[in-house]
Amino acid sequence: MKKLILSAAIILGSFSAFAQQSTPPKSEVTTQTVQDPYTEIKMEEVPEAVKSALIKAYPTAILDKAFINEKKEYKLQITVGDKVGALYADATGAWIKK
């Protein structure tokens, strides 16, 4: 009986001897930046069709900045009241949903 208890104690002791300390995995933080393909242009360079479409859709809007990309799509930063937003249009004044 003593040998049975002693054997059980040795076996249980050997289980705890092989226990490993777990270390949390290291996580890397990666950041991605999206480049805006639009370049800023002067207000005078915005086509009249885009300006008239803006006035027709948003009569109280103030055009703050205008941008263009290589596809001749325009990004308009506008202010309506106390809200600021961006609209997208092509050269003919048709709105683009993005």
PDB file of N, CA and C in Angstrom:
ATOM      1  N   MET A   1       0.818  -1.182   0.000  1.00  0.00           N
ATOM      2  CA  MET A   1       0.000   0.000   0.000  1.00  0.00           C
ATOM      3  C   MET A   1       0.870   1.256   0.000  1.00  0.00           C
ATOM      4  N   LYS A   2       1.977   1.173   0.763  1.00  0.00           N
ATOM      5  CA  LYS A   2       2.865   2.324   0.804  1.00  0.00           C
ATOM      6  C   LYS A   2       3.460   2.579  -0.577  1.00  0.00           C
ATOM      7  N   LYS A   3       3.773   1.512  -1.289  1.00  0.00           N
ATOM      8  CA  LYS A   3       4.362   1.665  -2.609  1.00  0.00           C
ATOM      9  C   LYS A   3       3.352   2.275  -3.583  1.00  0.00           C
ATOM     10  N   LEU A   4       2.083   1.940  -3.429  1.00  0.00           N
ATOM     11  CA  LEU A   4       1.045   2.488  -4.299  1.00  0.00           C
ATOM     12  C   LEU A   4       0.888   3.987  -4.076  1.00  0.00           C
ATOM     13  N   ILE A   5       0.868   4.405  -2.835  1.00  0.00           N
ATOM     14  CA  ILE A   5       0.741   5.827  -2.513  1.00  0.00           C
ATOM     15  C   ILE A   5       1.996   6.567  -2.965  1.00  0.00           C
ATOM     16  N   LEU A   6       3.156   5.965  -2.741  1.00  0.00           N
ATOM     17  CA  LEU A   6       4.407   6.587  -3.154  1.00  0.00           C
ATOM     18  C   LEU A   6       4.475   6.703  -4.679  1.00  0.00           C
ATOM     19  N   SER A   7       4.032   5.686  -5.399  1.00  0.00           N
ATOM     20  CA  SER A   7       4.024   5.716  -6.865  1.00  0.00           C
ATOM     21  C   SER A   7       3.074   6.799  -7.375  1.00  0.00           C
ATOM     22  N   ALA A   8       1.905   6.917  -6.759  1.00  0.00           N
ATOM     23  CA  ALA A   8       0.939   7.940  -7.156  1.00  0.00           C
ATOM     24  C   ALA A   8       1.510   9.336  -6.910  1.00  0.00           C
ATOM     25  N   ALA A   9       2.205   9.526  -5.805  1.00  0.00           N
ATOM     26  CA  ALA A   9       2.799  10.826  -5.490  1.00  0.00           C
ATOM     27  C   ALA A   9       3.892  11.173  -6.494  1.00  0.00           C
ATOM     28  N   ILE A  10       4.685  10.191  -6.888  1.00  0.00           N
ATOM     29  CA  ILE A  10       5.756  10.436  -7.861  1.00  0.00           C
ATOM     30  C   ILE A  10       5.161  10.777  -9.227  1.00  0.00           C
ATOM     31  N   ILE A  11       4.132  10.055  -9.631  1.00  0.00           N
ATOM     32  CA  ILE A  11       3.495  10.317 -10.927  1.00  0.00           C
ATOM     33  C   ILE A  11       2.860  11.704 -10.941  1.00  0.00           C
ATOM     34  N   LEU A  12       2.140  12.057  -9.891  1.00  0.00           N
ATOM     35  CA  LEU A  12       1.525  13.388  -9.827  1.00  0.00           C
ATOM     36  C   LEU A  12       2.587  14.477  -9.777  1.00  0.00           C
ATOM     37  N   GLY A  13       3.680  14.207  -9.107  1.00  0.00           N
ATOM     38  CA  GLY A  13       4.776  15.169  -9.047  1.00  0.00           C
ATOM     39  C   GLY A  13       5.435  15.361 -10.399  1.00  0.00           C
ATOM     40  N   SER A  14       5.494  14.303 -11.185  1.00  0.00           N
ATOM     41  CA  SER A  14       6.123  14.425 -12.499  1.00  0.00           C
ATOM     42  C   SER A  14       5.250  15.227 -13.471  1.00  0.00           C
ATOM     43  N   PHE A  15       3.932  15.185 -13.279  1.00  0.00           N
ATOM     44  CA  PHE A  15       3.061  15.994 -14.136  1.00  0.00           C
ATOM     45  C   PHE A  15       3.308  17.487 -13.922  1.00  0.00           C
ATOM     46  N   SER A  16       3.485  17.884 -12.695  1.00  0.00           N
ATOM     47  CA  SER A  16       3.701  19.298 -12.417  1.00  0.00           C
ATOM     48  C   SER A  16       5.111  19.732 -12.782  1.00  0.00           C
ATOM     49  N   ALA A  17       6.038  18.819 -12.870  1.00  0.00           N
ATOM     50  CA  ALA A  17       7.405  19.168 -13.226  1.00  0.00           C
ATOM     51  C   ALA A  17       7.513  19.554 -14.694  1.00  0.00           C
ATOM     52  N   PHE A  18       6.619  19.053 -15.527  1.00  0.00           N
ATOM     53  CA  PHE A  18       6.677  19.348 -16.953  1.00  0.00           C
ATOM     54  C   PHE A  18       5.719  20.466 -17.379  1.00  0.00           C
ATOM     55  N   ALA A  19       5.106  21.134 -16.443  1.00  0.00           N
ATOM     56  CA  ALA A  19       4.194  22.222 -16.783  1.00  0.00           C
ATOM     57  C   ALA A  19       4.995  23.390 -17.347  1.00  0.00           C
ATOM     58  N   GLN A  20       4.470  23.996 -18.392  1.00  0.00           N
ATOM     59  CA  GLN A  20       5.156  25.113 -19.022  1.00  0.00           C
ATOM     60  C   GLN A  20       4.374  26.389 -18.776  1.00  0.00           C
ATOM     61  N   GLN A  21       5.133  27.432 -18.623  1.00  0.00           N
ATOM     62  CA  GLN A  21       4.501  28.723 -18.434  1.00  0.00           C
ATOM     63  C   GLN A  21       4.081  29.242 -19.804  1.00  0.00           C
ATOM     64  N   SER A  22       2.827  29.609 -19.908  1.00  0.00           N
ATOM     65  CA  SER A  22       2.350  30.104 -21.202  1.00  0.00           C
ATOM     66  C   SER A  22       2.638  31.594 -21.307  1.00  0.00           C
ATOM     67  N   THR A  23       3.143  31.998 -22.447  1.00  0.00           N
ATOM     68  CA  THR A  23       3.398  33.410 -22.693  1.00  0.00           C
ATOM     69  C   THR A  23       2.399  33.892 -23.736  1.00  0.00           C
ATOM     70  N   PRO A  24       1.867  35.063 -23.539  1.00  0.00           N
ATOM     71  CA  PRO A  24       0.902  35.567 -24.520  1.00  0.00           C
ATOM     72  C   PRO A  24       1.598  35.822 -25.855  1.00  0.00           C
ATOM     73  N   PRO A  25       0.912  35.573 -26.941  1.00  0.00           N
ATOM     74  CA  PRO A  25       1.531  35.808 -28.253  1.00  0.00           C
ATOM     75  C   PRO A  25       1.751  37.300 -28.482  1.00  0.00           C
ATOM     76  N   LYS A  26       2.849  37.605 -29.111  1.00  0.00           N
ATOM     77  CA  LYS A  26       3.146  39.001 -29.412  1.00  0.00           C
ATOM     78  C   LYS A  26       2.340  39.418 -30.634  1.00  0.00           C
ATOM     79  N   SER A  27       1.719  40.555 -30.524  1.00  0.00           N
ATOM     80  CA  SER A  27       0.928  41.038 -31.655  1.00  0.00           C
ATOM     81  C   SER A  27       1.613  42.263 -32.244  1.00  0.00           C
ATOM     82  N   GLU A  28       1.639  42.314 -33.541  1.00  0.00           N
ATOM     83  CA  GLU A  28       2.219  43.450 -34.233  1.00  0.00           C
ATOM     84  C   GLU A  28       1.102  44.393 -34.663  1.00  0.00           C
ATOM     85  N   VAL A  29       1.369  45.650 -34.528  1.00  0.00           N
ATOM     86  CA  VAL A  29       0.408  46.656 -34.949  1.00  0.00           C
ATOM     87  C   VAL A  29       0.832  47.137 -36.331  1.00  0.00           C
ATOM     88  N   THR A  30      -0.056  46.971 -37.282  1.00  0.00           N
ATOM     89  CA  THR A  30       0.228  47.446 -38.632  1.00  0.00           C
ATOM     90  C   THR A  30      -0.767  48.532 -38.985  1.00  0.00           C
ATOM     91  N   THR A  31      -0.287  49.533 -39.645  1.00  0.00           N
ATOM     92  CA  THR A  31      -1.161  50.613 -40.086  1.00  0.00           C
ATOM     93  C   THR A  31      -1.089  50.713 -41.595  1.00  0.00           C
ATOM     94  N   GLN A  32      -2.226  51.005 -42.176  1.00  0.00           N
ATOM     95  CA  GLN A  32      -2.296  51.190 -43.614  1.00  0.00           C
ATOM     96  C   GLN A  32      -2.881  52.562 -43.879  1.00  0.00           C
ATOM     97  N   THR A  33      -2.264  53.254 -44.782  1.00  0.00           N
ATOM     98  CA  THR A  33      -2.790  54.556 -45.160  1.00  0.00           C
ATOM     99  C   THR A  33      -3.270  54.483 -46.600  1.00  0.00           C
ATOM    100  N   VAL A  34      -4.407  55.074 -46.804  1.00  0.00           N
ATOM    101  CA  VAL A  34      -4.989  55.097 -48.140  1.00  0.00           C
ATOM    102  C   VAL A  34      -4.672  56.453 -48.749  1.00  0.00           C
ATOM    103  N   GLN A  35      -4.043  56.421 -49.886  1.00  0.00           N
ATOM    104  CA  GLN A  35      -3.731  57.671 -50.547  1.00  0.00           C
ATOM    105  C   GLN A  35      -4.948  58.136 -51.332  1.00  0.00           C
ATOM    106  N   ASP A  36      -5.258  59.388 -51.158  1.00  0.00           N
ATOM    107  CA  ASP A  36      -6.372  59.971 -51.885  1.00  0.00           C
ATOM    108  C   ASP A  36      -5.886  60.314 -53.288  1.00  0.00           C
ATOM    109  N   PRO A  37      -6.476  59.724 -54.314  1.00  0.00           N
ATOM    110  CA  PRO A  37      -5.984  59.968 -55.671  1.00  0.00           C
ATOM    111  C   PRO A  37      -6.383  61.341 -56.223  1.00  0.00           C
ATOM    112  N   TYR A  38      -7.041  62.142 -55.429  1.00  0.00           N
ATOM    113  CA  TYR A  38      -7.504  63.445 -55.888  1.00  0.00           C
ATOM    114  C   TYR A  38      -6.459  64.518 -55.588  1.00  0.00           C
ATOM    115  N   THR A  39      -6.306  65.454 -56.505  1.00  0.00           N
ATOM    116  CA  THR A  39      -5.426  66.601 -56.289  1.00  0.00           C
ATOM    117  C   THR A  39      -6.279  67.862 -56.273  1.00  0.00           C
ATOM    118  N   GLU A  40      -5.902  68.784 -55.416  1.00  0.00           N
ATOM    119  CA  GLU A  40      -6.694  70.003 -55.251  1.00  0.00           C
ATOM    120  C   GLU A  40      -6.542  70.911 -56.475  1.00  0.00           C
ATOM    121  N   ILE A  41      -7.657  71.515 -56.846  1.00  0.00           N
ATOM    122  CA  ILE A  41      -7.663  72.455 -57.965  1.00  0.00           C
ATOM    123  C   ILE A  41      -8.290  73.763 -57.499  1.00  0.00           C
ATOM    124  N   LYS A  42      -8.124  74.806 -58.311  1.00  0.00           N
ATOM    125  CA  LYS A  42      -8.727  76.101 -57.999  1.00  0.00           C
ATOM    126  C   LYS A  42     -10.221  76.049 -58.298  1.00  0.00           C
ATOM    127  N   MET A  43     -10.968  76.899 -57.636  1.00  0.00           N
ATOM    128  CA  MET A  43     -12.419  76.937 -57.836  1.00  0.00           C
ATOM    129  C   MET A  43     -12.778  77.299 -59.280  1.00  0.00           C
ATOM    130  N   GLU A  44     -11.925  78.103 -59.922  1.00  0.00           N
ATOM    131  CA  GLU A  44     -12.196  78.514 -61.297  1.00  0.00           C
ATOM    132  C   GLU A  44     -12.063  77.344 -62.274  1.00  0.00           C
ATOM    133  N   GLU A  45     -11.334  76.294 -61.879  1.00  0.00           N
ATOM    134  CA  GLU A  45     -11.109  75.152 -62.763  1.00  0.00           C
ATOM    135  C   GLU A  45     -12.259  74.139 -62.736  1.00  0.00           C
ATOM    136  N   VAL A  46     -13.201  74.311 -61.826  1.00  0.00           N
ATOM    137  CA  VAL A  46     -14.351  73.406 -61.755  1.00  0.00           C
ATOM    138  C   VAL A  46     -15.271  73.715 -62.933  1.00  0.00           C
ATOM    139  N   PRO A  47     -15.676  72.706 -63.707  1.00  0.00           N
ATOM    140  CA  PRO A  47     -16.540  72.954 -64.870  1.00  0.00           C
ATOM    141  C   PRO A  47     -17.876  73.570 -64.467  1.00  0.00           C
ATOM    142  N   GLU A  48     -18.416  74.352 -65.368  1.00  0.00           N
ATOM    143  CA  GLU A  48     -19.697  75.021 -65.113  1.00  0.00           C
ATOM    144  C   GLU A  48     -20.816  74.007 -64.895  1.00  0.00           C
ATOM    145  N   ALA A  49     -20.751  72.851 -65.553  1.00  0.00           N
ATOM    146  CA  ALA A  49     -21.781  71.818 -65.382  1.00  0.00           C
ATOM    147  C   ALA A  49     -21.788  71.290 -63.950  1.00  0.00           C
ATOM    148  N   VAL A  50     -20.616  71.149 -63.360  1.00  0.00           N
ATOM    149  CA  VAL A  50     -20.524  70.662 -61.979  1.00  0.00           C
ATOM    150  C   VAL A  50     -21.042  71.723 -61.021  1.00  0.00           C
ATOM    151  N   LYS A  51     -20.680  72.978 -61.267  1.00  0.00           N
ATOM    152  CA  LYS A  51     -21.155  74.068 -60.404  1.00  0.00           C
ATOM    153  C   LYS A  51     -22.676  74.195 -60.457  1.00  0.00           C
ATOM    154  N   SER A  52     -23.243  74.113 -61.665  1.00  0.00           N
ATOM    155  CA  SER A  52     -24.701  74.251 -61.783  1.00  0.00           C
ATOM    156  C   SER A  52     -25.413  73.049 -61.165  1.00  0.00           C
ATOM    157  N   ALA A  53     -24.828  71.848 -61.267  1.00  0.00           N
ATOM    158  CA  ALA A  53     -25.429  70.675 -60.623  1.00  0.00           C
ATOM    159  C   ALA A  53     -25.408  70.825 -59.109  1.00  0.00           C
ATOM    160  N   LEU A  54     -24.339  71.411 -58.581  1.00  0.00           N
ATOM    161  CA  LEU A  54     -24.249  71.642 -57.136  1.00  0.00           C
ATOM    162  C   LEU A  54     -25.297  72.650 -56.683  1.00  0.00           C
ATOM    163  N   ILE A  55     -25.450  73.730 -57.432  1.00  0.00           N
ATOM    164  CA  ILE A  55     -26.434  74.755 -57.068  1.00  0.00           C
ATOM    165  C   ILE A  55     -27.854  74.200 -57.172  1.00  0.00           C
ATOM    166  N   LYS A  56     -28.095  73.357 -58.173  1.00  0.00           N
ATOM    167  CA  LYS A  56     -29.422  72.772 -58.348  1.00  0.00           C
ATOM    168  C   LYS A  56     -29.749  71.794 -57.222  1.00  0.00           C
ATOM    169  N   ALA A  57     -28.788  70.964 -56.835  1.00  0.00           N
ATOM    170  CA  ALA A  57     -29.036  69.956 -55.800  1.00  0.00           C
ATOM    171  C   ALA A  57     -28.987  70.541 -54.392  1.00  0.00           C
ATOM    172  N   TYR A  58     -28.077  71.469 -54.160  1.00  0.00           N
ATOM    173  CA  TYR A  58     -27.889  72.058 -52.831  1.00  0.00           C
ATOM    174  C   TYR A  58     -27.782  73.573 -52.981  1.00  0.00           C
ATOM    175  N   PRO A  59     -28.903  74.280 -53.025  1.00  0.00           N
ATOM    176  CA  PRO A  59     -28.863  75.727 -53.270  1.00  0.00           C
ATOM    177  C   PRO A  59     -28.143  76.527 -52.184  1.00  0.00           C
ATOM    178  N   THR A  60     -28.139  76.026 -50.952  1.00  0.00           N
ATOM    179  CA  THR A  60     -27.499  76.772 -49.868  1.00  0.00           C
ATOM    180  C   THR A  60     -26.078  76.301 -49.590  1.00  0.00           C
ATOM    181  N   ALA A  61     -25.548  75.411 -50.402  1.00  0.00           N
ATOM    182  CA  ALA A  61     -24.211  74.852 -50.166  1.00  0.00           C
ATOM    183  C   ALA A  61     -23.125  75.858 -50.519  1.00  0.00           C
ATOM    184  N   ILE A  62     -22.060  75.799 -49.742  1.00  0.00           N
ATOM    185  CA  ILE A  62     -20.877  76.618 -50.002  1.00  0.00           C
ATOM    186  C   ILE A  62     -19.758  75.668 -50.408  1.00  0.00           C
ATOM    187  N   LEU A  63     -19.168  75.905 -51.559  1.00  0.00           N
ATOM    188  CA  LEU A  63     -18.075  75.072 -52.051  1.00  0.00           C
ATOM    189  C   LEU A  63     -16.782  75.520 -51.373  1.00  0.00           C
ATOM    190  N   ASP A  64     -16.215  74.646 -50.536  1.00  0.00           N
ATOM    191  CA  ASP A  64     -14.998  74.983 -49.801  1.00  0.00           C
ATOM    192  C   ASP A  64     -13.739  74.653 -50.601  1.00  0.00           C
ATOM    193  N   LYS A  65     -13.673  73.424 -51.101  1.00  0.00           N
ATOM    194  CA  LYS A  65     -12.506  72.978 -51.864  1.00  0.00           C
ATOM    195  C   LYS A  65     -12.966  72.074 -52.996  1.00  0.00           C
ATOM    196  N   ALA A  66     -12.149  71.992 -54.027  1.00  0.00           N
ATOM    197  CA  ALA A  66     -12.443  71.109 -55.156  1.00  0.00           C
ATOM    198  C   ALA A  66     -11.194  70.301 -55.486  1.00  0.00           C
ATOM    199  N   PHE A  67     -11.412  69.041 -55.841  1.00  0.00           N
ATOM    200  CA  PHE A  67     -10.324  68.130 -56.177  1.00  0.00           C
ATOM    201  C   PHE A  67     -10.678  67.395 -57.464  1.00  0.00           C
ATOM    202  N   ILE A  68      -9.661  66.877 -58.149  1.00  0.00           N
ATOM    203  CA  ILE A  68      -9.874  66.113 -59.379  1.00  0.00           C
ATOM    204  C   ILE A  68      -8.917  64.923 -59.391  1.00  0.00           C
ATOM    205  N   ASN A  69      -9.350  63.825 -60.026  1.00  0.00           N
ATOM    206  CA  ASN A  69      -8.457  62.675 -60.192  1.00  0.00           C
ATOM    207  C   ASN A  69      -8.168  62.473 -61.673  1.00  0.00           C
ATOM    208  N   GLU A  70      -7.427  61.409 -62.012  1.00  0.00           N
ATOM    209  CA  GLU A  70      -7.037  61.199 -63.408  1.00  0.00           C
ATOM    210  C   GLU A  70      -8.203  60.787 -64.298  1.00  0.00           C
ATOM    211  N   LYS A  71      -9.321  60.345 -63.705  1.00  0.00           N
ATOM    212  CA  LYS A  71     -10.506  59.980 -64.489  1.00  0.00           C
ATOM    213  C   LYS A  71     -11.419  61.180 -64.740  1.00  0.00           C
ATOM    214  N   LYS A  72     -10.960  62.352 -64.369  1.00  0.00           N
ATOM    215  CA  LYS A  72     -11.738  63.596 -64.487  1.00  0.00           C
ATOM    216  C   LYS A  72     -12.999  63.540 -63.626  1.00  0.00           C
ATOM    217  N   GLU A  73     -12.878  62.917 -62.461  1.00  0.00           N
ATOM    218  CA  GLU A  73     -13.960  62.915 -61.475  1.00  0.00           C
ATOM    219  C   GLU A  73     -13.626  63.973 -60.430  1.00  0.00           C
ATOM    220  N   TYR A  74     -14.636  64.696 -60.020  1.00  0.00           N
ATOM    221  CA  TYR A  74     -14.439  65.811 -59.106  1.00  0.00           C
ATOM    222  C   TYR A  74     -14.930  65.448 -57.712  1.00  0.00           C
ATOM    223  N   LYS A  75     -14.146  65.843 -56.723  1.00  0.00           N
ATOM    224  CA  LYS A  75     -14.534  65.700 -55.319  1.00  0.00           C
ATOM    225  C   LYS A  75     -14.739  67.118 -54.803  1.00  0.00           C
ATOM    226  N   LEU A  76     -15.927  67.388 -54.311  1.00  0.00           N
ATOM    227  CA  LEU A  76     -16.272  68.722 -53.839  1.00  0.00           C
ATOM    228  C   LEU A  76     -16.487  68.688 -52.335  1.00  0.00           C
ATOM    229  N   GLN A  77     -15.724  69.474 -51.608  1.00  0.00           N
ATOM    230  CA  GLN A  77     -15.952  69.608 -50.171  1.00  0.00           C
ATOM    231  C   GLN A  77     -16.865  70.809 -49.985  1.00  0.00           C
ATOM    232  N   ILE A  78     -18.031  70.538 -49.392  1.00  0.00           N
ATOM    233  CA  ILE A  78     -19.029  71.594 -49.261  1.00  0.00           C
ATOM    234  C   ILE A  78     -19.449  71.747 -47.806  1.00  0.00           C
ATOM    235  N   THR A  79     -20.056  72.889 -47.530  1.00  0.00           N
ATOM    236  CA  THR A  79     -20.648  73.164 -46.230  1.00  0.00           C
ATOM    237  C   THR A  79     -22.097  73.565 -46.470  1.00  0.00           C
ATOM    238  N   VAL A  80     -23.002  72.871 -45.781  1.00  0.00           N
ATOM    239  CA  VAL A  80     -24.423  73.205 -45.840  1.00  0.00           C
ATOM    240  C   VAL A  80     -24.855  73.462 -44.405  1.00  0.00           C
ATOM    241  N   GLY A  81     -25.094  74.717 -44.093  1.00  0.00           N
ATOM    242  CA  GLY A  81     -25.423  75.064 -42.714  1.00  0.00           C
ATOM    243  C   GLY A  81     -24.210  74.824 -41.826  1.00  0.00           C
ATOM    244  N   ASP A  82     -24.379  73.940 -40.835  1.00  0.00           N
ATOM    245  CA  ASP A  82     -23.252  73.607 -39.958  1.00  0.00           C
ATOM    246  C   ASP A  82     -22.667  72.235 -40.271  1.00  0.00           C
ATOM    247  N   LYS A  83     -23.105  71.624 -41.353  1.00  0.00           N
ATOM    248  CA  LYS A  83     -22.613  70.297 -41.737  1.00  0.00           C
ATOM    249  C   LYS A  83     -21.597  70.411 -42.867  1.00  0.00           C
ATOM    250  N   VAL A  84     -20.551  69.594 -42.775  1.00  0.00           N
ATOM    251  CA  VAL A  84     -19.500  69.557 -43.785  1.00  0.00           C
ATOM    252  C   VAL A  84     -19.516  68.179 -44.421  1.00  0.00           C
ATOM    253  N   GLY A  85     -19.370  68.122 -45.746  1.00  0.00           N
ATOM    254  CA  GLY A  85     -19.385  66.834 -46.425  1.00  0.00           C
ATOM    255  C   GLY A  85     -18.658  66.902 -47.750  1.00  0.00           C
ATOM    256  N   ALA A  86     -18.620  65.753 -48.410  1.00  0.00           N
ATOM    257  CA  ALA A  86     -17.958  65.663 -49.709  1.00  0.00           C
ATOM    258  C   ALA A  86     -18.921  65.052 -50.716  1.00  0.00           C
ATOM    259  N   LEU A  87     -18.920  65.598 -51.915  1.00  0.00           N
ATOM    260  CA  LEU A  87     -19.722  65.092 -53.022  1.00  0.00           C
ATOM    261  C   LEU A  87     -18.786  64.741 -54.170  1.00  0.00           C
ATOM    262  N   TYR A  88     -19.206  63.790 -54.972  1.00  0.00           N
ATOM    263  CA  TYR A  88     -18.403  63.357 -56.117  1.00  0.00           C
ATOM    264  C   TYR A  88     -19.234  63.514 -57.382  1.00  0.00           C
ATOM    265  N   ALA A  89     -18.619  64.072 -58.419  1.00  0.00           N
ATOM    266  CA  ALA A  89     -19.310  64.279 -59.694  1.00  0.00           C
ATOM    267  C   ALA A  89     -18.327  64.075 -60.840  1.00  0.00           C
ATOM    268  N   ASP A  90     -18.890  63.755 -62.011  1.00  0.00           N
ATOM    269  CA  ASP A  90     -18.026  63.672 -63.189  1.00  0.00           C
ATOM    270  C   ASP A  90     -18.025  65.034 -63.886  1.00  0.00           C
ATOM    271  N   ALA A  91     -17.344  65.137 -65.003  1.00  0.00           N
ATOM    272  CA  ALA A  91     -17.184  66.425 -65.683  1.00  0.00           C
ATOM    273  C   ALA A  91     -18.491  66.973 -66.235  1.00  0.00           C
ATOM    274  N   THR A  92     -19.503  66.103 -66.434  1.00  0.00           N
ATOM    275  CA  THR A  92     -20.789  66.565 -66.962  1.00  0.00           C
ATOM    276  C   THR A  92     -21.744  67.012 -65.865  1.00  0.00           C
ATOM    277  N   GLY A  93     -21.350  66.842 -64.604  1.00  0.00           N
ATOM    278  CA  GLY A  93     -22.202  67.236 -63.490  1.00  0.00           C
ATOM    279  C   GLY A  93     -23.054  66.117 -62.944  1.00  0.00           C
ATOM    280  N   ALA A  94     -22.870  64.899 -63.435  1.00  0.00           N
ATOM    281  CA  ALA A  94     -23.620  63.749 -62.909  1.00  0.00           C
ATOM    282  C   ALA A  94     -22.977  63.306 -61.597  1.00  0.00           C
ATOM    283  N   TRP A  95     -23.807  63.037 -60.599  1.00  0.00           N
ATOM    284  CA  TRP A  95     -23.302  62.653 -59.282  1.00  0.00           C
ATOM    285  C   TRP A  95     -22.819  61.206 -59.284  1.00  0.00           C
ATOM    286  N   ILE A  96     -21.743  60.974 -58.562  1.00  0.00           N
ATOM    287  CA  ILE A  96     -21.152  59.644 -58.428  1.00  0.00           C
ATOM    288  C   ILE A  96     -21.313  59.224 -56.976  1.00  0.00           C
ATOM    289  N   LYS A  97     -21.837  58.025 -56.752  1.00  0.00           N
ATOM    290  CA  LYS A  97     -21.993  57.519 -55.385  1.00  0.00           C
ATOM    291  C   LYS A  97     -20.735  56.772 -54.989  1.00  0.00           C
ATOM    292  N   LYS A  98     -20.134  57.186 -53.879  1.00  0.00           N
ATOM    293  CA  LYS A  98     -18.933  56.511 -53.356  1.00  0.00           C
ATOM    294  C   LYS A  98     -19.111  56.236 -51.897  1.00  0.00           C
TER     295      LYS A  98
END
